[in-house]
PDB file of N, CA and C in Angstrom:
ATOM      1  N   MET A   1      83.174 137.860  97.594  1.00  0.00           N
ATOM      2  CA  MET A   1      82.943 139.063  97.049  1.00  0.00           C
ATOM      3  C   MET A   1      81.634 139.542  97.328  1.00  0.00           C
ATOM      4  N   PRO A   2      81.508 140.662  97.934  1.00  0.00           N
ATOM      5  CA  PRO A   2      80.194 141.268  98.287  1.00  0.00           C
ATOM      6  C   PRO A   2      79.328 141.479  97.176  1.00  0.00           C
ATOM      7  N   GLY A   3      78.087 141.263  97.294  1.00  0.00           N
ATOM      8  CA  GLY A   3      77.287 141.532  96.189  1.00  0.00           C
ATOM      9  C   GLY A   3      77.164 140.534  95.020  1.00  0.00           C
ATOM     10  N   LYS A   4      78.148 139.587  94.990  1.00  0.00           N
ATOM     11  CA  LYS A   4      78.167 138.757  93.795  1.00  0.00           C
ATOM     12  C   LYS A   4      77.173 137.608  94.125  1.00  0.00           C
ATOM     13  N   LYS A   5      76.463 137.291  93.223  1.00  0.00           N
ATOM     14  CA  LYS A   5      75.293 136.140  93.119  1.00  0.00           C
ATOM     15  C   LYS A   5      76.085 134.909  93.001  1.00  0.00           C
ATOM     16  N   THR A   6      75.611 133.895  93.733  1.00  0.00           N
ATOM     17  CA  THR A   6      76.113 132.643  93.658  1.00  0.00           C
ATOM     18  C   THR A   6      75.027 131.821  92.926  1.00  0.00           C
ATOM     19  N   ARG A   7      75.483 130.918  92.226  1.00  0.00           N
ATOM     20  CA  ARG A   7      74.370 129.881  91.584  1.00  0.00           C
ATOM     21  C   ARG A   7      74.978 128.444  91.873  1.00  0.00           C
ATOM     22  N   ALA A   8      74.186 127.706  92.706  1.00  0.00           N
ATOM     23  CA  ALA A   8      74.407 126.368  93.007  1.00  0.00           C
ATOM     24  C   ALA A   8      73.406 125.528  92.472  1.00  0.00           C
ATOM     25  N   VAL A   9      73.831 124.320  91.759  1.00  0.00           N
ATOM     26  CA  VAL A   9      72.877 123.429  91.334  1.00  0.00           C
ATOM     27  C   VAL A   9      73.245 122.097  91.726  1.00  0.00           C
ATOM     28  N   PHE A  10      72.230 121.402  92.302  1.00  0.00           N
ATOM     29  CA  PHE A  10      72.168 119.986  92.481  1.00  0.00           C
ATOM     30  C   PHE A  10      71.612 119.356  91.202  1.00  0.00           C
ATOM     31  N   ASP A  11      72.146 118.558  90.608  1.00  0.00           N
ATOM     32  CA  ASP A  11      71.657 117.956  89.384  1.00  0.00           C
ATOM     33  C   ASP A  11      71.621 116.408  89.563  1.00  0.00           C
ATOM     34  N   ASN A  12      70.319 115.801  89.171  1.00  0.00           N
ATOM     35  CA  ASN A  12      70.463 114.233  89.345  1.00  0.00           C
ATOM     36  C   ASN A  12      69.360 113.912  88.236  1.00  0.00           C
ATOM     37  N   ARG A  13      69.556 112.728  87.533  1.00  0.00           N
ATOM     38  CA  ARG A  13      68.754 112.154  86.469  1.00  0.00           C
ATOM     39  C   ARG A  13      68.197 111.047  86.840  1.00  0.00           C
ATOM     40  N   ILE A  14      66.695 110.931  86.853  1.00  0.00           N
ATOM     41  CA  ILE A  14      66.098 109.746  87.172  1.00  0.00           C
ATOM     42  C   ILE A  14      65.385 109.015  85.762  1.00  0.00           C
ATOM     43  N   THR A  15      65.943 107.937  85.589  1.00  0.00           N
ATOM     44  CA  THR A  15      65.494 107.203  84.443  1.00  0.00           C
ATOM     45  C   THR A  15      64.544 106.059  84.525  1.00  0.00           C
ATOM     46  N   ARG A  16      63.649 105.996  83.898  1.00  0.00           N
ATOM     47  CA  ARG A  16      62.566 104.829  83.901  1.00  0.00           C
ATOM     48  C   ARG A  16      62.222 104.273  82.597  1.00  0.00           C
ATOM     49  N   ILE A  17      62.465 102.967  82.589  1.00  0.00           N
ATOM     50  CA  ILE A  17      62.311 102.287  81.384  1.00  0.00           C
ATOM     51  C   ILE A  17      60.617 101.877  81.233  1.00  0.00           C
ATOM     52  N   PHE A  18      59.917 102.312  80.385  1.00  0.00           N
ATOM     53  CA  PHE A  18      58.324 101.903  80.293  1.00  0.00           C
ATOM     54  C   PHE A  18      58.209 100.603  79.679  1.00  0.00           C
ATOM     55  N   HIS A  19      58.603 100.353  78.454  1.00  0.00           N
ATOM     56  CA  HIS A  19      58.565  99.157  77.777  1.00  0.00           C
ATOM     57  C   HIS A  19      59.327  99.110  76.647  1.00  0.00           C
ATOM     58  N   MET A  20      59.579  97.969  76.184  1.00  0.00           N
ATOM     59  CA  MET A  20      60.597  97.841  75.002  1.00  0.00           C
ATOM     60  C   MET A  20      61.892  98.716  75.092  1.00  0.00           C
ATOM     61  N   GLU A  21      61.991  99.582  74.036  1.00  0.00           N
ATOM     62  CA  GLU A  21      63.072 100.509  74.084  1.00  0.00           C
ATOM     63  C   GLU A  21      62.721 101.849  74.340  1.00  0.00           C
ATOM     64  N   GLN A  22      61.389 102.029  74.746  1.00  0.00           N
ATOM     65  CA  GLN A  22      60.967 103.564  75.074  1.00  0.00           C
ATOM     66  C   GLN A  22      61.518 103.909  76.343  1.00  0.00           C
ATOM     67  N   SER A  23      62.205 104.894  76.487  1.00  0.00           N
ATOM     68  CA  SER A  23      62.826 105.393  77.894  1.00  0.00           C
ATOM     69  C   SER A  23      62.611 106.956  77.935  1.00  0.00           C
ATOM     70  N   GLN A  24      62.331 107.105  79.261  1.00  0.00           N
ATOM     71  CA  GLN A  24      62.028 108.507  79.669  1.00  0.00           C
ATOM     72  C   GLN A  24      62.881 108.899  80.705  1.00  0.00           C
ATOM     73  N   SER A  25      63.511 110.125  80.775  1.00  0.00           N
ATOM     74  CA  SER A  25      64.333 110.464  81.882  1.00  0.00           C
ATOM     75  C   SER A  25      63.829 111.830  82.459  1.00  0.00           C
ATOM     76  N   PHE A  26      63.970 112.048  83.728  1.00  0.00           N
ATOM     77  CA  PHE A  26      63.539 113.362  84.131  1.00  0.00           C
ATOM     78  C   PHE A  26      64.873 113.845  85.092  1.00  0.00           C
ATOM     79  N   ARG A  27      65.247 115.045  84.647  1.00  0.00           N
ATOM     80  CA  ARG A  27      66.405 115.575  85.511  1.00  0.00           C
ATOM     81  C   ARG A  27      65.847 116.404  86.639  1.00  0.00           C
ATOM     82  N   MET A  28      66.504 116.179  87.644  1.00  0.00           N
ATOM     83  CA  MET A  28      65.952 117.008  88.896  1.00  0.00           C
ATOM     84  C   MET A  28      67.159 117.964  89.354  1.00  0.00           C
ATOM     85  N   LYS A  29      66.736 119.176  89.508  1.00  0.00           N
ATOM     86  CA  LYS A  29      67.640 120.115  90.049  1.00  0.00           C
ATOM     87  C   LYS A  29      67.208 120.872  91.199  1.00  0.00           C
ATOM     88  N   LEU A  30      68.273 121.194  91.863  1.00  0.00           N
ATOM     89  CA  LEU A  30      68.061 122.266  93.068  1.00  0.00           C
ATOM     90  C   LEU A  30      68.687 123.475  92.549  1.00  0.00           C
ATOM     91  N   VAL A  31      67.926 124.595  92.287  1.00  0.00           N
ATOM     92  CA  VAL A  31      68.520 125.714  91.747  1.00  0.00           C
ATOM     93  C   VAL A  31      68.316 126.742  92.736  1.00  0.00           C
ATOM     94  N   TYR A  32      69.298 127.840  92.905  1.00  0.00           N
ATOM     95  CA  TYR A  32      69.071 128.929  93.851  1.00  0.00           C
ATOM     96  C   TYR A  32      68.920 130.228  92.988  1.00  0.00           C
ATOM     97  N   LYS A  33      67.644 130.782  93.132  1.00  0.00           N
ATOM     98  CA  LYS A  33      67.383 131.922  92.192  1.00  0.00           C
ATOM     99  C   LYS A  33      67.183 132.986  93.225  1.00  0.00           C
ATOM    100  N   ASP A  34      67.850 134.130  93.252  1.00  0.00           N
ATOM    101  CA  ASP A  34      67.781 135.282  94.115  1.00  0.00           C
ATOM    102  C   ASP A  34      67.833 134.846  95.607  1.00  0.00           C
ATOM    103  N   GLY A  35      68.655 133.614  95.827  1.00  0.00           N
ATOM    104  CA  GLY A  35      68.747 133.240  97.129  1.00  0.00           C
ATOM    105  C   GLY A  35      67.782 132.173  97.494  1.00  0.00           C
ATOM    106  N   GLN A  36      66.761 132.031  96.631  1.00  0.00           N
ATOM    107  CA  GLN A  36      65.576 131.007  97.163  1.00  0.00           C
ATOM    108  C   GLN A  36      65.892 129.762  96.474  1.00  0.00           C
ATOM    109  N   PRO A  37      65.741 128.701  97.189  1.00  0.00           N
ATOM    110  CA  PRO A  37      65.916 127.266  96.520  1.00  0.00           C
ATOM    111  C   PRO A  37      64.630 126.874  95.710  1.00  0.00           C
ATOM    112  N   LEU A  38      64.776 126.366  94.489  1.00  0.00           N
ATOM    113  CA  LEU A  38      63.783 125.879  93.713  1.00  0.00           C
ATOM    114  C   LEU A  38      64.075 124.530  93.290  1.00  0.00           C
ATOM    115  N   VAL A  39      63.178 123.650  93.392  1.00  0.00           N
ATOM    116  CA  VAL A  39      63.373 122.274  92.891  1.00  0.00           C
ATOM    117  C   VAL A  39      62.708 122.265  91.525  1.00  0.00           C
ATOM    118  N   GLY A  40      63.483 121.749  90.423  1.00  0.00           N
ATOM    119  CA  GLY A  40      63.052 121.727  89.059  1.00  0.00           C
ATOM    120  C   GLY A  40      63.172 120.352  88.572  1.00  0.00           C
ATOM    121  N   LEU A  41      62.160 119.912  87.737  1.00  0.00           N
ATOM    122  CA  LEU A  41      62.060 118.677  86.960  1.00  0.00           C
ATOM    123  C   LEU A  41      61.901 118.921  85.458  1.00  0.00           C
ATOM    124  N   SER A  42      62.849 118.430  84.744  1.00  0.00           N
ATOM    125  CA  SER A  42      62.704 118.552  83.224  1.00  0.00           C
ATOM    126  C   SER A  42      62.755 117.147  82.684  1.00  0.00           C
ATOM    127  N   GLU A  43      61.904 117.039  81.585  1.00  0.00           N
ATOM    128  CA  GLU A  43      61.786 115.817  80.866  1.00  0.00           C
ATOM    129  C   GLU A  43      62.721 115.557  79.870  1.00  0.00           C
ATOM    130  N   PHE A  44      63.302 114.455  79.598  1.00  0.00           N
ATOM    131  CA  PHE A  44      64.113 114.133  78.562  1.00  0.00           C
ATOM    132  C   PHE A  44      63.657 112.801  78.038  1.00  0.00           C
ATOM    133  N   TYR A  45      63.776 112.417  76.800  1.00  0.00           N
ATOM    134  CA  TYR A  45      63.291 111.159  76.042  1.00  0.00           C
ATOM    135  C   TYR A  45      64.321 110.762  75.190  1.00  0.00           C
ATOM    136  N   MET A  46      64.479 109.380  74.967  1.00  0.00           N
ATOM    137  CA  MET A  46      65.355 108.793  74.071  1.00  0.00           C
ATOM    138  C   MET A  46      64.769 108.809  72.609  1.00  0.00           C
ATOM    139  N   ASP A  47      65.507 109.339  71.515  1.00  0.00           N
ATOM    140  CA  ASP A  47      65.256 109.383  70.283  1.00  0.00           C
ATOM    141  C   ASP A  47      66.445 109.091  69.411  1.00  0.00           C
ATOM    142  N   LYS A  48      66.212 107.865  68.724  1.00  0.00           N
ATOM    143  CA  LYS A  48      67.366 107.421  67.863  1.00  0.00           C
ATOM    144  C   LYS A  48      68.542 107.491  68.426  1.00  0.00           C
ATOM    145  N   GLY A  49      68.560 106.837  69.748  1.00  0.00           N
ATOM    146  CA  GLY A  49      69.823 106.659  70.627  1.00  0.00           C
ATOM    147  C   GLY A  49      70.371 108.030  71.153  1.00  0.00           C
ATOM    148  N   GLN A  50      69.633 109.085  71.157  1.00  0.00           N
ATOM    149  CA  GLN A  50      69.943 110.382  71.775  1.00  0.00           C
ATOM    150  C   GLN A  50      69.067 110.797  72.760  1.00  0.00           C
ATOM    151  N   TRP A  51      69.452 111.321  73.969  1.00  0.00           N
ATOM    152  CA  TRP A  51      68.675 111.915  74.869  1.00  0.00           C
ATOM    153  C   TRP A  51      68.252 113.309  74.294  1.00  0.00           C
ATOM    154  N   VAL A  52      66.858 113.567  74.194  1.00  0.00           N
ATOM    155  CA  VAL A  52      66.313 114.927  73.605  1.00  0.00           C
ATOM    156  C   VAL A  52      65.436 115.563  74.696  1.00  0.00           C
ATOM    157  N   PRO A  53      65.602 116.704  74.877  1.00  0.00           N
ATOM    158  CA  PRO A  53      64.770 117.463  75.928  1.00  0.00           C
ATOM    159  C   PRO A  53      63.370 117.444  75.480  1.00  0.00           C
ATOM    160  N   GLY A  54      62.507 117.101  76.333  1.00  0.00           N
ATOM    161  CA  GLY A  54      61.167 117.111  76.150  1.00  0.00           C
ATOM    162  C   GLY A  54      60.549 118.674  76.404  1.00  0.00           C
ATOM    163  N   HIS A  55      59.163 118.693  76.442  1.00  0.00           N
ATOM    164  CA  HIS A  55      58.451 120.121  76.515  1.00  0.00           C
ATOM    165  C   HIS A  55      58.122 120.284  77.871  1.00  0.00           C
ATOM    166  N   ARG A  56      58.318 119.272  78.887  1.00  0.00           N
ATOM    167  CA  ARG A  56      57.556 119.654  80.216  1.00  0.00           C
ATOM    168  C   ARG A  56      58.929 120.065  81.133  1.00  0.00           C
ATOM    169  N   HIS A  57      58.695 121.219  81.815  1.00  0.00           N
ATOM    170  CA  HIS A  57      59.773 121.604  82.789  1.00  0.00           C
ATOM    171  C   HIS A  57      58.912 122.295  83.765  1.00  0.00           C
ATOM    172  N   PHE A  58      59.093 122.236  85.049  1.00  0.00           N
ATOM    173  CA  PHE A  58      58.547 123.041  86.006  1.00  0.00           C
ATOM    174  C   PHE A  58      59.493 123.246  87.163  1.00  0.00           C
ATOM    175  N   TYR A  59      59.425 124.284  88.018  1.00  0.00           N
ATOM    176  CA  TYR A  59      60.033 124.522  89.227  1.00  0.00           C
ATOM    177  C   TYR A  59      59.026 124.822  90.258  1.00  0.00           C
ATOM    178  N   LEU A  60      59.398 124.150  91.415  1.00  0.00           N
ATOM    179  CA  LEU A  60      58.566 124.410  92.722  1.00  0.00           C
ATOM    180  C   LEU A  60      59.399 124.824  93.808  1.00  0.00           C
ATOM    181  N   ALA A  61      58.883 125.806  94.635  1.00  0.00           N
ATOM    182  CA  ALA A  61      59.609 126.415  95.725  1.00  0.00           C
ATOM    183  C   ALA A  61      60.011 125.142  96.592  1.00  0.00           C
ATOM    184  N   TYR A  62      61.371 125.222  97.125  1.00  0.00           N
ATOM    185  CA  TYR A  62      61.784 124.056  97.950  1.00  0.00           C
ATOM    186  C   TYR A  62      60.874 123.589  99.025  1.00  0.00           C
ATOM    187  N   GLU A  63      60.350 124.724  99.732  1.00  0.00           N
ATOM    188  CA  GLU A  63      59.444 124.436 100.873  1.00  0.00           C
ATOM    189  C   GLU A  63      58.216 123.851 100.501  1.00  0.00           C
ATOM    190  N   SER A  64      57.911 124.063  99.321  1.00  0.00           N
ATOM    191  CA  SER A  64      56.679 123.282  98.706  1.00  0.00           C
ATOM    192  C   SER A  64      56.917 121.808  98.381  1.00  0.00           C
ATOM    193  N   TRP A  65      58.099 121.828  97.777  1.00  0.00           N
ATOM    194  CA  TRP A  65      58.648 120.302  97.674  1.00  0.00           C
ATOM    195  C   TRP A  65      58.500 119.548  98.724  1.00  0.00           C
ATOM    196  N   CYS A  66      59.064 120.139  99.838  1.00  0.00           N
ATOM    197  CA  CYS A  66      59.210 119.334 101.037  1.00  0.00           C
ATOM    198  C   CYS A  66      57.878 118.960 101.687  1.00  0.00           C
ATOM    199  N   ASP A  67      56.907 119.985 101.652  1.00  0.00           N
ATOM    200  CA  ASP A  67      55.603 119.686 102.049  1.00  0.00           C
ATOM    201  C   ASP A  67      54.951 118.666 101.224  1.00  0.00           C
ATOM    202  N   LEU A  68      55.210 118.694  99.926  1.00  0.00           N
ATOM    203  CA  LEU A  68      54.563 117.571  99.159  1.00  0.00           C
ATOM    204  C   LEU A  68      54.934 116.263  99.532  1.00  0.00           C
ATOM    205  N   MET A  69      56.455 116.103  99.644  1.00  0.00           N
ATOM    206  CA  MET A  69      57.017 114.882 100.059  1.00  0.00           C
ATOM    207  C   MET A  69      56.493 114.355 101.328  1.00  0.00           C
ATOM    208  N   LYS A  70      56.276 115.370 102.353  1.00  0.00           N
ATOM    209  CA  LYS A  70      55.717 114.944 103.613  1.00  0.00           C
ATOM    210  C   LYS A  70      54.218 114.300 103.430  1.00  0.00           C
ATOM    211  N   HIS A  71      53.402 114.791 102.499  1.00  0.00           N
ATOM    212  CA  HIS A  71      52.239 114.109 102.393  1.00  0.00           C
ATOM    213  C   HIS A  71      52.189 112.905 101.565  1.00  0.00           C
ATOM    214  N   ILE A  72      53.255 112.729 100.644  1.00  0.00           N
ATOM    215  CA  ILE A  72      53.341 111.614  99.690  1.00  0.00           C
ATOM    216  C   ILE A  72      53.835 110.278 100.566  1.00  0.00           C
ATOM    217  N   GLN A  73      54.588 110.592 101.469  1.00  0.00           N
ATOM    218  CA  GLN A  73      55.150 109.384 102.333  1.00  0.00           C
ATOM    219  C   GLN A  73      54.062 108.594 103.136  1.00  0.00           C
ATOM    220  N   PRO A  74      53.120 109.123 103.874  1.00  0.00           N
ATOM    221  CA  PRO A  74      52.076 108.449 104.604  1.00  0.00           C
ATOM    222  C   PRO A  74      51.120 107.672 103.483  1.00  0.00           C
ATOM    223  N   PHE A  75      50.856 108.505 102.452  1.00  0.00           N
ATOM    224  CA  PHE A  75      50.036 107.735 101.436  1.00  0.00           C
ATOM    225  C   PHE A  75      50.688 106.596 100.828  1.00  0.00           C
ATOM    226  N   HIS A  76      52.006 106.556 100.593  1.00  0.00           N
ATOM    227  CA  HIS A  76      52.915 105.515 100.076  1.00  0.00           C
ATOM    228  C   HIS A  76      52.847 104.413 101.167  1.00  0.00           C
ATOM    229  N   GLU A  77      52.943 104.574 102.475  1.00  0.00           N
ATOM    230  CA  GLU A  77      53.105 103.692 103.389  1.00  0.00           C
ATOM    231  C   GLU A  77      51.784 102.956 103.564  1.00  0.00           C
ATOM    232  N   GLN A  78      50.572 103.507 103.459  1.00  0.00           N
ATOM    233  CA  GLN A  78      49.367 102.874 103.324  1.00  0.00           C
ATOM    234  C   GLN A  78      49.193 101.958 102.233  1.00  0.00           C
ATOM    235  N   VAL A  79      49.660 102.427 101.029  1.00  0.00           N
ATOM    236  CA  VAL A  79      49.534 101.437  99.763  1.00  0.00           C
ATOM    237  C   VAL A  79      50.304 100.303  99.983  1.00  0.00           C
ATOM    238  N   LYS A  80      51.645 100.402 100.648  1.00  0.00           N
ATOM    239  CA  LYS A  80      52.539  99.285 100.915  1.00  0.00           C
ATOM    240  C   LYS A  80      51.856  98.380 101.870  1.00  0.00           C
ATOM    241  N   LYS A  81      51.137  98.856 102.759  1.00  0.00           N
ATOM    242  CA  LYS A  81      50.393  97.932 103.853  1.00  0.00           C
ATOM    243  C   LYS A  81      49.244  97.276 103.126  1.00  0.00           C
ATOM    244  N   GLY A  82      48.939  97.559 101.865  1.00  0.00           N
ATOM    245  CA  GLY A  82      47.986  96.854 101.155  1.00  0.00           C
ATOM    246  C   GLY A  82      46.435  97.645 101.394  1.00  0.00           C
ATOM    247  N   ASN A  83      46.493  98.800 101.776  1.00  0.00           N
ATOM    248  CA  ASN A  83      45.259  99.470 101.885  1.00  0.00           C
ATOM    249  C   ASN A  83      45.042 100.158 100.542  1.00  0.00           C
ATOM    250  N   GLU A  84      43.698 100.071 100.157  1.00  0.00           N
ATOM    251  CA  GLU A  84      43.284 100.623  98.821  1.00  0.00           C
ATOM    252  C   GLU A  84      43.007 102.012  99.143  1.00  0.00           C
ATOM    253  N   ILE A  85      43.535 102.909  98.404  1.00  0.00           N
ATOM    254  CA  ILE A  85      43.055 104.325  98.626  1.00  0.00           C
ATOM    255  C   ILE A  85      42.647 104.904  97.144  1.00  0.00           C
ATOM    256  N   PRO A  86      41.272 105.081  97.089  1.00  0.00           N
ATOM    257  CA  PRO A  86      40.705 105.328  95.664  1.00  0.00           C
ATOM    258  C   PRO A  86      41.188 106.753  95.199  1.00  0.00           C
ATOM    259  N   TYR A  87      41.616 107.683  96.081  1.00  0.00           N
ATOM    260  CA  TYR A  87      41.833 108.931  95.715  1.00  0.00           C
ATOM    261  C   TYR A  87      43.013 109.525  96.558  1.00  0.00           C
ATOM    262  N   ILE A  88      43.697 110.671  96.180  1.00  0.00           N
ATOM    263  CA  ILE A  88      44.623 111.251  96.757  1.00  0.00           C
ATOM    264  C   ILE A  88      43.994 112.269  97.939  1.00  0.00           C
ATOM    265  N   LEU A  89      44.470 112.138  98.909  1.00  0.00           N
ATOM    266  CA  LEU A  89      43.870 112.882 100.012  1.00  0.00           C
ATOM    267  C   LEU A  89      44.263 114.510  99.941  1.00  0.00           C
ATOM    268  N   PRO A  90      43.341 115.223 100.122  1.00  0.00           N
ATOM    269  CA  PRO A  90      43.624 116.570 100.005  1.00  0.00           C
ATOM    270  C   PRO A  90      44.877 117.158 100.912  1.00  0.00           C
ATOM    271  N   ILE A  91      45.507 118.095 100.397  1.00  0.00           N
ATOM    272  CA  ILE A  91      46.764 118.668 101.284  1.00  0.00           C
ATOM    273  C   ILE A  91      46.273 119.867 102.108  1.00  0.00           C
TER     274      ILE A  91
END
């Protein structure tokens, strides 16, 4: 249909157990707004056995997300090799 806006969403949940029964989950989304891809992260946490939305949500342009990942990978590789890096290198 011409002129029809499509909304495609990739949704993934990443859960990390911190300690004891405290859990925190981040939902990752790839959302298309006005034809532009945005990567979104939203916080969730466990409260009395229920996942509850947190207060932290943000969206980043897909290109910015890719650029960020491009810089994180070499940093991670240096840490894996045992190199101590006292600060994050400027992008």
